[in-house]
Amino acid sequence: MIKRSDIKQEDIIRSAIEVFSQKGFEQASMEGISKQAGVSKRTLYKYYPNKDALFEVIVDRLMCRFDDQCAIQFEPSVSVSSQLTEITLKQMCYINSEDFQITARLVMAECIRNQETAQVLIKKFTAIEDSYGLQQWVQQGIEHGHLQVDDIGLAVEQFIGSIKAIVFWPQLLTHQPPPSCEEVKIAVEAASRSFDKTYSVTSAP
């Protein structure tokens, strides 16, 4: 059962995202956020001592999209491209969420404005386990003799980057609607085939 306090905090976070997006971090105030959320300042301060703490929670929400995933295992009996497509679609399910797009724009804008904010975000990004878990999956593929990759980190980042170049950055920077599930799938499948062609040693049955 969802607690009333959880609902209230969710309202506060959503309101903070709206206020930060409209006014920017520097111009936003705790009073404005409390009014937007329909709660008293006393209630707001009960959960969050200041707007810095609120902003950090928003960043954490952005990061947790990457963390709630089960362990990834390389399957030697399944083709590399098929495995990679399935894994990536699960891992990147957040990418066509309107909430994610709004939050990502907010975080990016504040990183440009504020060096300290940028450092916090970079620190959190580096804490994301194993670049979506794919580095571990690639390592397992190498151990099974199905993949040959000299620089795993670079290969994974290039793979993810090629997808985001199509279904993330254009939408984010030009305020287009989030990509459809089909658009994400097409981009992921193309990137997976390219990864397979570049790094596969043998073809799985």
N, C-alpha and C. Protein backbone atom coordinates (compact mmCIF):
# COMPACT_ATOMS: atom_id res chain seq x y z
N MET A 1 0.84 -1.19 0.00
CA MET A 1 0.00 0.00 0.00
C MET A 1 0.88 1.25 0.00
N ILE A 2 0.56 2.20 -0.85
CA ILE A 2 1.35 3.43 -0.95
C ILE A 2 1.05 4.34 0.23
N LYS A 3 2.07 4.80 0.90
CA LYS A 3 1.90 5.69 2.03
C LYS A 3 1.54 7.09 1.56
N ARG A 4 0.77 7.79 2.38
CA ARG A 4 0.40 9.16 2.06
C ARG A 4 1.63 10.05 1.94
N SER A 5 2.64 9.78 2.78
CA SER A 5 3.87 10.57 2.75
C SER A 5 4.61 10.38 1.44
N ASP A 6 4.53 9.17 0.86
CA ASP A 6 5.19 8.90 -0.42
C ASP A 6 4.51 9.70 -1.54
N ILE A 7 3.18 9.75 -1.49
CA ILE A 7 2.43 10.51 -2.49
C ILE A 7 2.78 11.98 -2.38
N LYS A 8 2.87 12.48 -1.16
CA LYS A 8 3.17 13.90 -0.94
C LYS A 8 4.57 14.24 -1.46
N GLN A 9 5.53 13.36 -1.19
CA GLN A 9 6.88 13.60 -1.69
C GLN A 9 6.93 13.57 -3.21
N GLU A 10 6.15 12.67 -3.81
CA GLU A 10 6.10 12.61 -5.27
C GLU A 10 5.54 13.92 -5.84
N ASP A 11 4.50 14.46 -5.19
CA ASP A 11 3.93 15.75 -5.61
C ASP A 11 4.97 16.86 -5.50
N ILE A 12 5.74 16.83 -4.42
CA ILE A 12 6.77 17.85 -4.20
C ILE A 12 7.85 17.77 -5.28
N ILE A 13 8.30 16.57 -5.58
CA ILE A 13 9.36 16.40 -6.58
C ILE A 13 8.88 16.85 -7.95
N ARG A 14 7.66 16.45 -8.32
CA ARG A 14 7.12 16.86 -9.62
C ARG A 14 6.98 18.39 -9.69
N SER A 15 6.53 18.97 -8.60
CA SER A 15 6.37 20.43 -8.57
C SER A 15 7.73 21.11 -8.65
N ALA A 16 8.72 20.55 -7.99
CA ALA A 16 10.07 21.12 -8.03
C ALA A 16 10.61 21.08 -9.46
N ILE A 17 10.39 19.98 -10.16
CA ILE A 17 10.83 19.87 -11.55
C ILE A 17 10.17 20.96 -12.39
N GLU A 18 8.88 21.18 -12.19
CA GLU A 18 8.17 22.22 -12.94
C GLU A 18 8.72 23.60 -12.63
N VAL A 19 8.91 23.90 -11.36
CA VAL A 19 9.41 25.23 -10.96
C VAL A 19 10.84 25.44 -11.44
N PHE A 20 11.70 24.43 -11.26
CA PHE A 20 13.08 24.55 -11.73
C PHE A 20 13.12 24.74 -13.24
N SER A 21 12.24 24.02 -13.95
CA SER A 21 12.22 24.11 -15.41
C SER A 21 11.78 25.50 -15.87
N GLN A 22 10.82 26.08 -15.17
CA GLN A 22 10.29 27.39 -15.54
C GLN A 22 11.22 28.53 -15.15
N LYS A 23 11.80 28.46 -13.97
CA LYS A 23 12.55 29.59 -13.42
C LYS A 23 14.06 29.39 -13.40
N GLY A 24 14.51 28.14 -13.56
CA GLY A 24 15.92 27.86 -13.36
C GLY A 24 16.21 27.67 -11.89
N PHE A 25 17.30 26.99 -11.59
CA PHE A 25 17.59 26.66 -10.19
C PHE A 25 17.80 27.91 -9.34
N GLU A 26 18.54 28.87 -9.84
CA GLU A 26 18.88 30.04 -9.03
C GLU A 26 17.66 30.86 -8.66
N GLN A 27 16.71 31.00 -9.60
CA GLN A 27 15.54 31.84 -9.37
C GLN A 27 14.41 31.10 -8.64
N ALA A 28 14.47 29.80 -8.63
CA ALA A 28 13.43 29.02 -7.95
C ALA A 28 13.55 29.21 -6.44
N SER A 29 12.43 29.12 -5.76
CA SER A 29 12.42 29.26 -4.30
C SER A 29 11.64 28.12 -3.67
N MET A 30 11.96 27.84 -2.42
CA MET A 30 11.23 26.82 -1.69
C MET A 30 9.77 27.23 -1.52
N GLU A 31 9.53 28.51 -1.37
CA GLU A 31 8.16 28.99 -1.25
C GLU A 31 7.37 28.72 -2.52
N GLY A 32 8.00 28.99 -3.66
CA GLY A 32 7.34 28.74 -4.94
C GLY A 32 7.06 27.27 -5.14
N ILE A 33 7.99 26.42 -4.71
CA ILE A 33 7.81 24.98 -4.86
C ILE A 33 6.68 24.49 -3.95
N SER A 34 6.61 25.02 -2.73
CA SER A 34 5.55 24.60 -1.81
C SER A 34 4.18 25.00 -2.34
N LYS A 35 4.08 26.19 -2.94
CA LYS A 35 2.81 26.63 -3.53
C LYS A 35 2.42 25.75 -4.70
N GLN A 36 3.40 25.43 -5.55
CA GLN A 36 3.13 24.59 -6.71
C GLN A 36 2.66 23.21 -6.28
N ALA A 37 3.24 22.70 -5.20
CA ALA A 37 2.90 21.36 -4.71
C ALA A 37 1.64 21.34 -3.86
N GLY A 38 1.19 22.53 -3.43
CA GLY A 38 0.00 22.59 -2.58
C GLY A 38 0.26 22.10 -1.17
N VAL A 39 1.48 22.33 -0.68
CA VAL A 39 1.83 21.95 0.69
C VAL A 39 2.40 23.16 1.41
N SER A 40 2.40 23.11 2.71
CA SER A 40 2.98 24.20 3.49
C SER A 40 4.50 24.15 3.41
N LYS A 41 5.13 25.30 3.66
CA LYS A 41 6.60 25.31 3.69
C LYS A 41 7.12 24.40 4.80
N ARG A 42 6.37 24.33 5.89
CA ARG A 42 6.77 23.45 6.99
C ARG A 42 6.84 22.00 6.52
N THR A 43 5.83 21.58 5.75
CA THR A 43 5.82 20.22 5.22
C THR A 43 6.98 20.01 4.25
N LEU A 44 7.20 21.01 3.39
CA LEU A 44 8.29 20.89 2.42
C LEU A 44 9.64 20.73 3.12
N TYR A 45 9.88 21.58 4.13
CA TYR A 45 11.16 21.51 4.85
C TYR A 45 11.28 20.24 5.69
N LYS A 46 10.16 19.62 5.99
CA LYS A 46 10.19 18.35 6.74
C LYS A 46 10.90 17.27 5.92
N TYR A 47 10.69 17.31 4.60
CA TYR A 47 11.28 16.31 3.72
C TYR A 47 12.60 16.77 3.11
N TYR A 48 12.70 18.06 2.82
CA TYR A 48 13.87 18.58 2.11
C TYR A 48 14.33 19.88 2.76
N PRO A 49 15.56 19.91 3.31
CA PRO A 49 16.03 21.09 4.04
C PRO A 49 16.25 22.32 3.16
N ASN A 50 16.49 22.11 1.86
CA ASN A 50 16.74 23.23 0.95
C ASN A 50 16.56 22.77 -0.49
N LYS A 51 16.63 23.72 -1.41
CA LYS A 51 16.40 23.35 -2.82
C LYS A 51 17.56 22.55 -3.40
N ASP A 52 18.74 22.67 -2.80
CA ASP A 52 19.86 21.83 -3.25
C ASP A 52 19.57 20.36 -3.02
N ALA A 53 18.99 20.07 -1.85
CA ALA A 53 18.63 18.68 -1.54
C ALA A 53 17.56 18.17 -2.49
N LEU A 54 16.62 19.05 -2.82
CA LEU A 54 15.56 18.68 -3.75
C LEU A 54 16.14 18.39 -5.13
N PHE A 55 17.05 19.24 -5.57
CA PHE A 55 17.64 19.04 -6.88
C PHE A 55 18.42 17.74 -6.94
N GLU A 56 19.09 17.40 -5.84
CA GLU A 56 19.85 16.14 -5.82
C GLU A 56 18.92 14.94 -5.91
N VAL A 57 17.75 15.05 -5.29
CA VAL A 57 16.76 13.97 -5.39
C VAL A 57 16.30 13.82 -6.84
N ILE A 58 16.11 14.95 -7.52
CA ILE A 58 15.70 14.91 -8.92
C ILE A 58 16.77 14.22 -9.77
N VAL A 59 18.03 14.54 -9.51
CA VAL A 59 19.13 13.89 -10.22
C VAL A 59 19.13 12.39 -9.93
N ASP A 60 18.88 12.03 -8.67
CA ASP A 60 18.82 10.61 -8.30
C ASP A 60 17.71 9.89 -9.05
N ARG A 61 16.58 10.57 -9.24
CA ARG A 61 15.48 9.97 -10.00
C ARG A 61 15.92 9.68 -11.43
N LEU A 62 16.67 10.60 -11.99
CA LEU A 62 17.20 10.42 -13.34
C LEU A 62 18.13 9.22 -13.39
N MET A 63 19.00 9.11 -12.39
CA MET A 63 19.97 8.03 -12.36
C MET A 63 19.34 6.67 -12.12
N CYS A 64 18.28 6.62 -11.30
CA CYS A 64 17.73 5.32 -10.92
C CYS A 64 17.11 4.61 -12.11
N ARG A 65 16.87 5.34 -13.21
CA ARG A 65 16.37 4.68 -14.42
C ARG A 65 17.35 3.60 -14.88
N PHE A 66 18.63 3.78 -14.54
CA PHE A 66 19.66 2.85 -14.99
C PHE A 66 19.88 1.70 -14.02
N ASP A 67 19.41 1.88 -12.79
CA ASP A 67 19.83 0.96 -11.74
C ASP A 67 18.88 -0.20 -11.48
N ASP A 68 17.59 -0.03 -11.83
CA ASP A 68 16.60 -1.03 -11.46
C ASP A 68 16.53 -2.17 -12.47
N GLN A 69 17.68 -2.70 -12.80
CA GLN A 69 17.72 -3.75 -13.81
C GLN A 69 18.32 -5.03 -13.20
N CYS A 70 17.85 -6.17 -13.71
CA CYS A 70 18.38 -7.43 -13.21
C CYS A 70 19.75 -7.70 -13.84
N ALA A 71 20.44 -8.67 -13.25
CA ALA A 71 21.78 -9.00 -13.75
C ALA A 71 21.69 -9.53 -15.18
N ILE A 72 22.68 -9.16 -15.97
CA ILE A 72 22.71 -9.56 -17.38
C ILE A 72 23.68 -10.71 -17.54
N GLN A 73 23.26 -11.74 -18.28
CA GLN A 73 24.12 -12.89 -18.54
C GLN A 73 24.23 -13.11 -20.04
N PHE A 74 25.46 -13.35 -20.51
CA PHE A 74 25.67 -13.66 -21.92
C PHE A 74 25.19 -15.09 -22.18
N GLU A 75 24.41 -15.25 -23.26
CA GLU A 75 23.88 -16.56 -23.63
C GLU A 75 24.56 -17.04 -24.92
N PRO A 76 25.48 -17.99 -24.82
CA PRO A 76 26.22 -18.46 -26.01
C PRO A 76 25.34 -19.03 -27.11
N SER A 77 24.16 -19.52 -26.76
CA SER A 77 23.29 -20.16 -27.75
C SER A 77 22.41 -19.17 -28.52
N VAL A 78 22.48 -17.88 -28.14
CA VAL A 78 21.65 -16.85 -28.77
C VAL A 78 22.56 -15.87 -29.50
N SER A 79 22.14 -15.40 -30.66
CA SER A 79 22.99 -14.49 -31.43
C SER A 79 23.29 -13.22 -30.65
N VAL A 80 24.45 -12.66 -30.92
CA VAL A 80 24.89 -11.45 -30.25
C VAL A 80 23.90 -10.31 -30.46
N SER A 81 23.49 -10.10 -31.70
CA SER A 81 22.59 -8.98 -32.00
C SER A 81 21.23 -9.15 -31.32
N SER A 82 20.73 -10.38 -31.26
CA SER A 82 19.43 -10.62 -30.61
C SER A 82 19.51 -10.35 -29.12
N GLN A 83 20.59 -10.86 -28.49
CA GLN A 83 20.77 -10.61 -27.06
C GLN A 83 20.89 -9.12 -26.78
N LEU A 84 21.72 -8.46 -27.56
CA LEU A 84 22.01 -7.05 -27.33
C LEU A 84 20.75 -6.20 -27.52
N THR A 85 19.95 -6.54 -28.51
CA THR A 85 18.70 -5.81 -28.73
C THR A 85 17.76 -5.96 -27.55
N GLU A 86 17.58 -7.18 -27.08
CA GLU A 86 16.67 -7.43 -25.96
C GLU A 86 17.15 -6.72 -24.69
N ILE A 87 18.44 -6.86 -24.40
CA ILE A 87 19.01 -6.24 -23.20
C ILE A 87 18.86 -4.73 -23.25
N THR A 88 19.20 -4.15 -24.38
CA THR A 88 19.22 -2.69 -24.49
C THR A 88 17.82 -2.10 -24.44
N LEU A 89 16.85 -2.77 -25.05
CA LEU A 89 15.48 -2.28 -24.98
C LEU A 89 14.97 -2.27 -23.54
N LYS A 90 15.38 -3.26 -22.75
CA LYS A 90 15.00 -3.28 -21.33
C LYS A 90 15.73 -2.18 -20.57
N GLN A 91 17.02 -2.04 -20.85
CA GLN A 91 17.83 -1.08 -20.10
C GLN A 91 17.48 0.37 -20.44
N MET A 92 17.02 0.60 -21.68
CA MET A 92 16.75 1.97 -22.10
C MET A 92 15.26 2.26 -22.18
N CYS A 93 14.47 1.52 -21.40
CA CYS A 93 13.02 1.72 -21.43
C CYS A 93 12.62 3.12 -20.98
N TYR A 94 13.52 3.79 -20.27
CA TYR A 94 13.24 5.14 -19.78
C TYR A 94 13.27 6.19 -20.88
N ILE A 95 13.91 5.90 -22.01
CA ILE A 95 14.32 6.96 -22.94
C ILE A 95 13.14 7.65 -23.63
N ASN A 96 12.00 6.93 -23.75
CA ASN A 96 10.86 7.59 -24.39
C ASN A 96 9.80 8.02 -23.38
N SER A 97 10.26 8.27 -22.16
CA SER A 97 9.37 8.78 -21.12
C SER A 97 9.42 10.32 -21.10
N GLU A 98 8.26 10.95 -21.09
CA GLU A 98 8.19 12.41 -21.04
C GLU A 98 8.83 12.93 -19.75
N ASP A 99 8.60 12.22 -18.63
CA ASP A 99 9.19 12.63 -17.36
C ASP A 99 10.71 12.64 -17.45
N PHE A 100 11.26 11.60 -18.09
CA PHE A 100 12.72 11.54 -18.22
C PHE A 100 13.24 12.69 -19.06
N GLN A 101 12.56 12.99 -20.16
CA GLN A 101 12.99 14.07 -21.04
C GLN A 101 13.00 15.41 -20.29
N ILE A 102 11.95 15.68 -19.55
CA ILE A 102 11.84 16.94 -18.80
C ILE A 102 12.96 17.02 -17.76
N THR A 103 13.14 15.91 -17.03
CA THR A 103 14.17 15.90 -15.98
C THR A 103 15.56 16.04 -16.58
N ALA A 104 15.81 15.37 -17.69
CA ALA A 104 17.13 15.44 -18.33
C ALA A 104 17.42 16.86 -18.81
N ARG A 105 16.43 17.55 -19.38
CA ARG A 105 16.64 18.94 -19.82
C ARG A 105 16.98 19.83 -18.63
N LEU A 106 16.26 19.62 -17.54
CA LEU A 106 16.50 20.41 -16.33
C LEU A 106 17.91 20.21 -15.82
N VAL A 107 18.31 18.95 -15.71
CA VAL A 107 19.64 18.64 -15.19
C VAL A 107 20.73 19.20 -16.10
N MET A 108 20.55 19.05 -17.41
CA MET A 108 21.54 19.57 -18.35
C MET A 108 21.67 21.09 -18.24
N ALA A 109 20.54 21.77 -18.15
CA ALA A 109 20.55 23.23 -18.06
C ALA A 109 21.29 23.69 -16.81
N GLU A 110 21.05 23.02 -15.70
CA GLU A 110 21.72 23.41 -14.45
C GLU A 110 23.20 23.07 -14.48
N CYS A 111 23.57 22.01 -15.17
CA CYS A 111 24.99 21.68 -15.30
C CYS A 111 25.73 22.75 -16.09
N ILE A 112 25.06 23.31 -17.10
CA ILE A 112 25.67 24.38 -17.89
C ILE A 112 25.83 25.64 -17.03
N ARG A 113 24.83 25.92 -16.20
CA ARG A 113 24.85 27.13 -15.38
C ARG A 113 25.81 27.02 -14.20
N ASN A 114 25.94 25.82 -13.66
CA ASN A 114 26.61 25.68 -12.37
C ASN A 114 27.63 24.56 -12.39
N GLN A 115 28.90 24.91 -12.15
CA GLN A 115 29.97 23.92 -12.20
C GLN A 115 29.82 22.88 -11.09
N GLU A 116 29.39 23.31 -9.91
CA GLU A 116 29.24 22.37 -8.80
C GLU A 116 28.16 21.33 -9.11
N THR A 117 27.06 21.79 -9.72
CA THR A 117 26.00 20.86 -10.11
C THR A 117 26.52 19.85 -11.11
N ALA A 118 27.30 20.33 -12.07
CA ALA A 118 27.86 19.44 -13.09
C ALA A 118 28.73 18.37 -12.44
N GLN A 119 29.50 18.75 -11.45
CA GLN A 119 30.38 17.79 -10.77
C GLN A 119 29.58 16.73 -10.04
N VAL A 120 28.46 17.15 -9.42
CA VAL A 120 27.59 16.20 -8.73
C VAL A 120 27.03 15.19 -9.72
N LEU A 121 26.57 15.69 -10.88
CA LEU A 121 25.98 14.81 -11.87
C LEU A 121 27.00 13.84 -12.44
N ILE A 122 28.20 14.34 -12.74
CA ILE A 122 29.25 13.47 -13.28
C ILE A 122 29.60 12.38 -12.28
N LYS A 123 29.66 12.74 -11.01
CA LYS A 123 29.97 11.76 -9.97
C LYS A 123 28.90 10.67 -9.93
N LYS A 124 27.64 11.07 -10.07
CA LYS A 124 26.56 10.10 -10.03
C LYS A 124 26.58 9.21 -11.28
N PHE A 125 26.90 9.83 -12.43
CA PHE A 125 26.96 9.04 -13.65
C PHE A 125 28.04 7.96 -13.55
N THR A 126 29.18 8.31 -12.95
CA THR A 126 30.26 7.34 -12.85
C THR A 126 29.91 6.21 -11.89
N ALA A 127 28.89 6.45 -11.05
CA ALA A 127 28.48 5.42 -10.10
C ALA A 127 27.49 4.43 -10.71
N ILE A 128 27.01 4.72 -11.93
CA ILE A 128 26.10 3.79 -12.59
C ILE A 128 26.86 2.49 -12.84
N GLU A 129 26.34 1.41 -12.36
CA GLU A 129 27.07 0.14 -12.39
C GLU A 129 27.35 -0.33 -13.81
N ASP A 130 28.60 -0.39 -14.14
CA ASP A 130 29.05 -1.09 -15.35
C ASP A 130 28.41 -0.60 -16.64
N SER A 131 28.16 0.69 -16.77
CA SER A 131 27.58 1.22 -18.01
C SER A 131 26.40 0.39 -18.48
N TYR A 132 25.30 0.44 -17.70
CA TYR A 132 24.07 -0.28 -18.01
C TYR A 132 24.24 -1.80 -17.90
N GLY A 133 25.31 -2.29 -17.28
CA GLY A 133 25.52 -3.72 -17.16
C GLY A 133 26.09 -4.35 -18.41
N LEU A 134 26.22 -3.57 -19.46
CA LEU A 134 26.68 -4.13 -20.73
C LEU A 134 28.16 -4.49 -20.73
N GLN A 135 28.94 -3.78 -19.96
CA GLN A 135 30.37 -4.10 -19.93
C GLN A 135 30.59 -5.52 -19.41
N GLN A 136 29.82 -5.89 -18.39
CA GLN A 136 29.94 -7.25 -17.85
C GLN A 136 29.48 -8.27 -18.89
N TRP A 137 28.41 -7.93 -19.60
CA TRP A 137 27.90 -8.83 -20.65
C TRP A 137 28.94 -9.01 -21.75
N VAL A 138 29.59 -7.93 -22.16
CA VAL A 138 30.63 -8.03 -23.20
C VAL A 138 31.78 -8.88 -22.70
N GLN A 139 32.18 -8.68 -21.45
CA GLN A 139 33.28 -9.47 -20.89
C GLN A 139 32.94 -10.96 -20.91
N GLN A 140 31.70 -11.28 -20.59
CA GLN A 140 31.28 -12.68 -20.63
C GLN A 140 31.31 -13.22 -22.06
N GLY A 141 30.92 -12.37 -23.03
CA GLY A 141 30.97 -12.78 -24.43
C GLY A 141 32.38 -13.07 -24.89
N ILE A 142 33.33 -12.27 -24.39
CA ILE A 142 34.75 -12.51 -24.71
C ILE A 142 35.20 -13.84 -24.11
N GLU A 143 34.80 -14.08 -22.87
CA GLU A 143 35.21 -15.31 -22.19
C GLU A 143 34.62 -16.56 -22.87
N HIS A 144 33.45 -16.40 -23.47
CA HIS A 144 32.82 -17.52 -24.19
C HIS A 144 33.39 -17.67 -25.60
N GLY A 145 34.24 -16.75 -26.00
CA GLY A 145 34.85 -16.84 -27.32
C GLY A 145 33.97 -16.32 -28.45
N HIS A 146 32.92 -15.58 -28.11
CA HIS A 146 32.00 -15.07 -29.13
C HIS A 146 32.30 -13.62 -29.51
N LEU A 147 33.00 -12.91 -28.65
CA LEU A 147 33.31 -11.51 -28.93
C LEU A 147 34.81 -11.26 -28.81
N GLN A 148 35.29 -10.32 -29.61
CA GLN A 148 36.68 -9.87 -29.50
C GLN A 148 36.64 -8.34 -29.44
N VAL A 149 36.89 -7.82 -28.24
CA VAL A 149 36.80 -6.37 -28.01
C VAL A 149 38.05 -5.93 -27.26
N ASP A 150 38.80 -5.00 -27.82
CA ASP A 150 40.02 -4.53 -27.17
C ASP A 150 39.72 -3.55 -26.03
N ASP A 151 38.77 -2.66 -26.23
CA ASP A 151 38.42 -1.65 -25.23
C ASP A 151 36.92 -1.75 -24.97
N ILE A 152 36.55 -2.48 -23.92
CA ILE A 152 35.14 -2.74 -23.65
C ILE A 152 34.38 -1.45 -23.36
N GLY A 153 34.95 -0.60 -22.52
CA GLY A 153 34.28 0.64 -22.16
C GLY A 153 33.98 1.50 -23.37
N LEU A 154 34.95 1.62 -24.25
CA LEU A 154 34.77 2.43 -25.46
C LEU A 154 33.71 1.81 -26.38
N ALA A 155 33.76 0.50 -26.54
CA ALA A 155 32.79 -0.19 -27.41
C ALA A 155 31.36 0.01 -26.91
N VAL A 156 31.17 -0.10 -25.60
CA VAL A 156 29.83 0.07 -25.02
C VAL A 156 29.36 1.51 -25.15
N GLU A 157 30.24 2.46 -24.87
CA GLU A 157 29.86 3.87 -24.97
C GLU A 157 29.51 4.25 -26.41
N GLN A 158 30.26 3.72 -27.36
CA GLN A 158 29.96 3.99 -28.76
C GLN A 158 28.62 3.37 -29.15
N PHE A 159 28.36 2.19 -28.64
CA PHE A 159 27.08 1.53 -28.92
C PHE A 159 25.91 2.36 -28.40
N ILE A 160 25.97 2.73 -27.13
CA ILE A 160 24.90 3.53 -26.52
C ILE A 160 24.80 4.89 -27.21
N GLY A 161 25.96 5.49 -27.50
CA GLY A 161 25.97 6.80 -28.13
C GLY A 161 25.31 6.80 -29.50
N SER A 162 25.49 5.71 -30.25
CA SER A 162 24.90 5.64 -31.58
C SER A 162 23.37 5.59 -31.51
N ILE A 163 22.85 5.02 -30.43
CA ILE A 163 21.39 4.97 -30.24
C ILE A 163 20.87 6.33 -29.81
N LYS A 164 21.55 6.93 -28.84
CA LYS A 164 21.10 8.22 -28.33
C LYS A 164 21.20 9.33 -29.37
N ALA A 165 22.12 9.17 -30.31
CA ALA A 165 22.25 10.17 -31.37
C ALA A 165 20.99 10.23 -32.23
N ILE A 166 20.20 9.16 -32.22
CA ILE A 166 18.99 9.09 -33.04
C ILE A 166 17.72 9.33 -32.23
N VAL A 167 17.66 8.76 -31.03
CA VAL A 167 16.38 8.78 -30.29
C VAL A 167 16.49 9.45 -28.91
N PHE A 168 17.52 10.26 -28.71
CA PHE A 168 17.61 10.98 -27.43
C PHE A 168 18.00 12.44 -27.62
N TRP A 169 19.19 12.67 -28.15
CA TRP A 169 19.70 14.04 -28.25
C TRP A 169 18.85 14.93 -29.15
N PRO A 170 18.44 14.49 -30.34
CA PRO A 170 17.62 15.38 -31.18
C PRO A 170 16.32 15.79 -30.47
N GLN A 171 15.66 14.83 -29.82
CA GLN A 171 14.40 15.12 -29.13
C GLN A 171 14.64 16.04 -27.93
N LEU A 172 15.72 15.77 -27.22
CA LEU A 172 16.01 16.54 -26.01
C LEU A 172 16.35 18.00 -26.34
N LEU A 173 17.21 18.19 -27.32
CA LEU A 173 17.73 19.53 -27.61
C LEU A 173 16.75 20.39 -28.41
N THR A 174 15.87 19.78 -29.17
CA THR A 174 14.93 20.56 -29.98
C THR A 174 13.50 20.50 -29.43
N HIS A 175 13.36 19.94 -28.23
CA HIS A 175 12.06 19.87 -27.55
C HIS A 175 11.01 19.13 -28.40
N GLN A 176 11.45 18.13 -29.11
CA GLN A 176 10.52 17.27 -29.83
C GLN A 176 9.89 16.28 -28.84
N PRO A 177 8.75 15.68 -29.20
CA PRO A 177 8.17 14.64 -28.33
C PRO A 177 9.15 13.48 -28.21
N PRO A 178 9.08 12.72 -27.11
CA PRO A 178 9.94 11.55 -26.96
C PRO A 178 9.72 10.58 -28.12
N PRO A 179 10.71 9.78 -28.47
CA PRO A 179 10.56 8.82 -29.56
C PRO A 179 9.53 7.76 -29.21
N SER A 180 8.92 7.19 -30.22
CA SER A 180 7.97 6.10 -29.98
C SER A 180 8.74 4.81 -29.67
N CYS A 181 8.04 3.83 -29.15
CA CYS A 181 8.68 2.53 -28.87
C CYS A 181 9.26 1.93 -30.14
N GLU A 182 8.55 2.09 -31.25
CA GLU A 182 9.01 1.55 -32.52
C GLU A 182 10.28 2.24 -32.99
N GLU A 183 10.36 3.55 -32.82
CA GLU A 183 11.56 4.29 -33.21
C GLU A 183 12.76 3.87 -32.37
N VAL A 184 12.54 3.67 -31.07
CA VAL A 184 13.62 3.19 -30.21
C VAL A 184 14.06 1.80 -30.64
N LYS A 185 13.11 0.94 -30.92
CA LYS A 185 13.43 -0.43 -31.33
C LYS A 185 14.26 -0.45 -32.62
N ILE A 186 13.88 0.36 -33.59
CA ILE A 186 14.61 0.41 -34.87
C ILE A 186 16.05 0.87 -34.63
N ALA A 187 16.22 1.90 -33.81
CA ALA A 187 17.57 2.42 -33.53
C ALA A 187 18.41 1.39 -32.79
N VAL A 188 17.81 0.69 -31.83
CA VAL A 188 18.54 -0.32 -31.05
C VAL A 188 18.92 -1.50 -31.93
N GLU A 189 18.01 -1.94 -32.78
CA GLU A 189 18.30 -3.08 -33.65
C GLU A 189 19.44 -2.75 -34.62
N ALA A 190 19.44 -1.54 -35.16
CA ALA A 190 20.51 -1.14 -36.08
C ALA A 190 21.85 -1.09 -35.37
N ALA A 191 21.87 -0.53 -34.16
CA ALA A 191 23.11 -0.44 -33.39
C ALA A 191 23.60 -1.83 -32.99
N SER A 192 22.67 -2.71 -32.66
CA SER A 192 23.04 -4.08 -32.26
C SER A 192 23.64 -4.86 -33.42
N ARG A 193 23.07 -4.70 -34.61
CA ARG A 193 23.62 -5.37 -35.79
C ARG A 193 25.03 -4.86 -36.09
N SER A 194 25.24 -3.56 -35.94
CA SER A 194 26.56 -2.98 -36.18
C SER A 194 27.57 -3.49 -35.16
N PHE A 195 27.17 -3.58 -33.89
CA PHE A 195 28.04 -4.10 -32.83
C PHE A 195 28.40 -5.55 -33.13
N ASP A 196 27.41 -6.33 -33.51
CA ASP A 196 27.61 -7.75 -33.84
C ASP A 196 28.62 -7.89 -34.98
N LYS A 197 28.42 -7.12 -36.03
CA LYS A 197 29.30 -7.20 -37.20
C LYS A 197 30.73 -6.80 -36.86
N THR A 198 30.87 -5.82 -35.96
CA THR A 198 32.20 -5.31 -35.61
C THR A 198 32.96 -6.23 -34.67
N TYR A 199 32.27 -6.81 -33.70
CA TYR A 199 32.98 -7.48 -32.60
C TYR A 199 32.76 -8.99 -32.51
N SER A 200 31.82 -9.56 -33.25
CA SER A 200 31.57 -11.00 -33.13
C SER A 200 32.70 -11.81 -33.75
N VAL A 201 33.07 -12.88 -33.07
CA VAL A 201 34.09 -13.80 -33.58
C VAL A 201 33.42 -14.95 -34.29
N THR A 202 32.37 -15.49 -33.67
CA THR A 202 31.61 -16.59 -34.26
C THR A 202 30.15 -16.26 -34.18
N SER A 203 29.36 -16.89 -35.00
CA SER A 203 27.92 -16.68 -34.99
C SER A 203 27.28 -17.79 -34.17
N ALA A 204 26.45 -17.36 -33.25
CA ALA A 204 25.74 -18.35 -32.45
C ALA A 204 24.68 -19.02 -33.29
N PRO A 205 24.34 -20.26 -33.01
CA PRO A 205 23.31 -20.98 -33.79
C PRO A 205 21.96 -20.29 -33.66
